[in-house]
């Protein structure tokens, strides 16, 4: 599994996003990325093999990103904490 950690500091009205590109648009992923940048995406990486664009965007620009032809989904990064398990005491 690929883990992406953006070096950008995200402001309160901004979120890290992963944009899934539709299968039929993967051959023009660069065009989809350009259209997303024009609608507010700060594009940090492209995962061409799986059709995903990574970056950050203002929360109010998410509907515009979802409307880009070729975009299948826009997912927000969610914080997740996993507690270390303590060894069982017998």
Protein backbone atom coordinates (compact mmCIF):
# COMPACT_ATOMS: atom_id res chain seq x y z
CA UNK A 1 0.00 0.00 0.00
CA UNK A 2 1.29 3.45 -0.87
CA UNK A 3 1.30 5.96 1.93
CA UNK A 4 1.43 9.63 1.01
CA UNK A 5 2.41 12.25 3.52
CA UNK A 6 2.17 15.74 2.19
CA UNK A 7 4.87 18.14 3.26
CA UNK A 8 2.38 20.96 2.91
CA UNK A 9 0.95 22.39 6.08
CA UNK A 10 -2.78 22.38 5.63
CA UNK A 11 -4.66 25.47 6.80
CA UNK A 12 -8.00 25.15 8.64
CA UNK A 13 -10.10 25.67 5.48
CA UNK A 14 -7.96 23.27 3.44
CA UNK A 15 -7.66 19.48 3.36
CA UNK A 16 -5.35 16.89 1.87
CA UNK A 17 -7.22 15.03 -0.86
CA UNK A 18 -6.93 11.96 -3.06
CA UNK A 19 -8.71 12.25 -6.40
CA UNK A 20 -9.69 9.01 -8.12
CA UNK A 21 -9.60 9.27 -11.91
CA UNK A 22 -12.14 7.18 -13.83
CA UNK A 23 -10.77 4.18 -15.75
CA UNK A 24 -11.83 5.67 -19.09
CA UNK A 25 -9.90 8.90 -18.29
CA UNK A 26 -6.60 7.38 -17.12
CA UNK A 27 -5.03 7.81 -20.56
CA UNK A 28 -5.51 11.57 -20.11
CA UNK A 29 -4.67 11.80 -16.40
CA UNK A 30 -2.40 14.79 -17.07
CA UNK A 31 -5.34 16.71 -18.56
CA UNK A 32 -7.54 15.78 -15.59
CA UNK A 33 -4.76 16.96 -13.23
CA UNK A 34 -4.48 20.27 -15.11
CA UNK A 35 -8.25 20.80 -14.88
CA UNK A 36 -8.15 20.04 -11.14
CA UNK A 37 -5.28 22.50 -10.62
CA UNK A 38 -7.34 25.13 -12.47
CA UNK A 39 -10.13 24.51 -9.93
CA UNK A 40 -7.94 24.89 -6.85
CA UNK A 41 -5.99 21.65 -6.36
CA UNK A 42 -2.43 22.06 -5.15
CA UNK A 43 -1.17 18.94 -6.90
CA UNK A 44 1.67 17.12 -5.12
CA UNK A 45 1.83 13.74 -6.88
CA UNK A 46 0.27 11.48 -9.48
CA UNK A 47 -0.11 7.74 -9.03
CA UNK A 48 -0.54 6.89 -12.70
CA UNK A 49 -0.71 3.11 -12.27
CA UNK A 50 -3.80 3.33 -10.08
CA UNK A 51 -5.27 6.59 -11.43
CA UNK A 52 -4.99 8.78 -8.33
CA UNK A 53 -4.00 12.43 -7.93
CA UNK A 54 -2.76 13.60 -4.53
CA UNK A 55 -2.72 17.12 -3.17
CA UNK A 56 -4.67 19.59 -1.11
CA UNK A 57 -7.63 21.86 -1.77
CA UNK A 58 -9.81 24.44 -0.09
CA UNK A 59 -12.92 22.77 1.31
CA UNK A 60 -15.20 25.06 -0.70
CA UNK A 61 -13.52 23.94 -3.96
CA UNK A 62 -14.40 20.25 -3.47
CA UNK A 63 -17.67 20.43 -5.48
CA UNK A 64 -15.76 22.03 -8.39
CA UNK A 65 -13.15 19.26 -8.26
CA UNK A 66 -15.84 16.56 -8.22
CA UNK A 67 -17.37 18.14 -11.36
CA UNK A 68 -14.17 17.81 -13.42
CA UNK A 69 -14.74 15.40 -16.34
CA UNK A 70 -12.82 12.22 -15.60
CA UNK A 71 -12.93 12.59 -11.80
CA UNK A 72 -14.64 9.62 -10.19
CA UNK A 73 -14.27 10.68 -6.53
CA UNK A 74 -12.58 13.19 -4.23
CA UNK A 75 -11.66 11.75 -0.85
CA UNK A 76 -10.51 13.76 2.17
CA UNK A 77 -7.59 12.60 4.27
CA UNK A 78 -8.82 11.45 7.65
CA UNK A 79 -6.73 11.41 10.79
CA UNK A 80 -6.34 7.96 12.25
CA UNK A 81 -4.60 6.92 15.43
CA UNK A 82 -3.87 3.36 16.35
CA UNK A 83 -2.98 2.54 19.92
CA UNK A 84 -0.11 0.20 20.45
CA UNK A 85 -1.24 -3.01 22.02
CA UNK A 86 0.28 -3.77 25.36
CA UNK A 87 1.66 -7.24 25.88
CA UNK A 88 -0.66 -9.54 27.79
CA UNK A 89 0.31 -10.03 31.41
CA UNK A 90 -0.01 -13.63 32.58
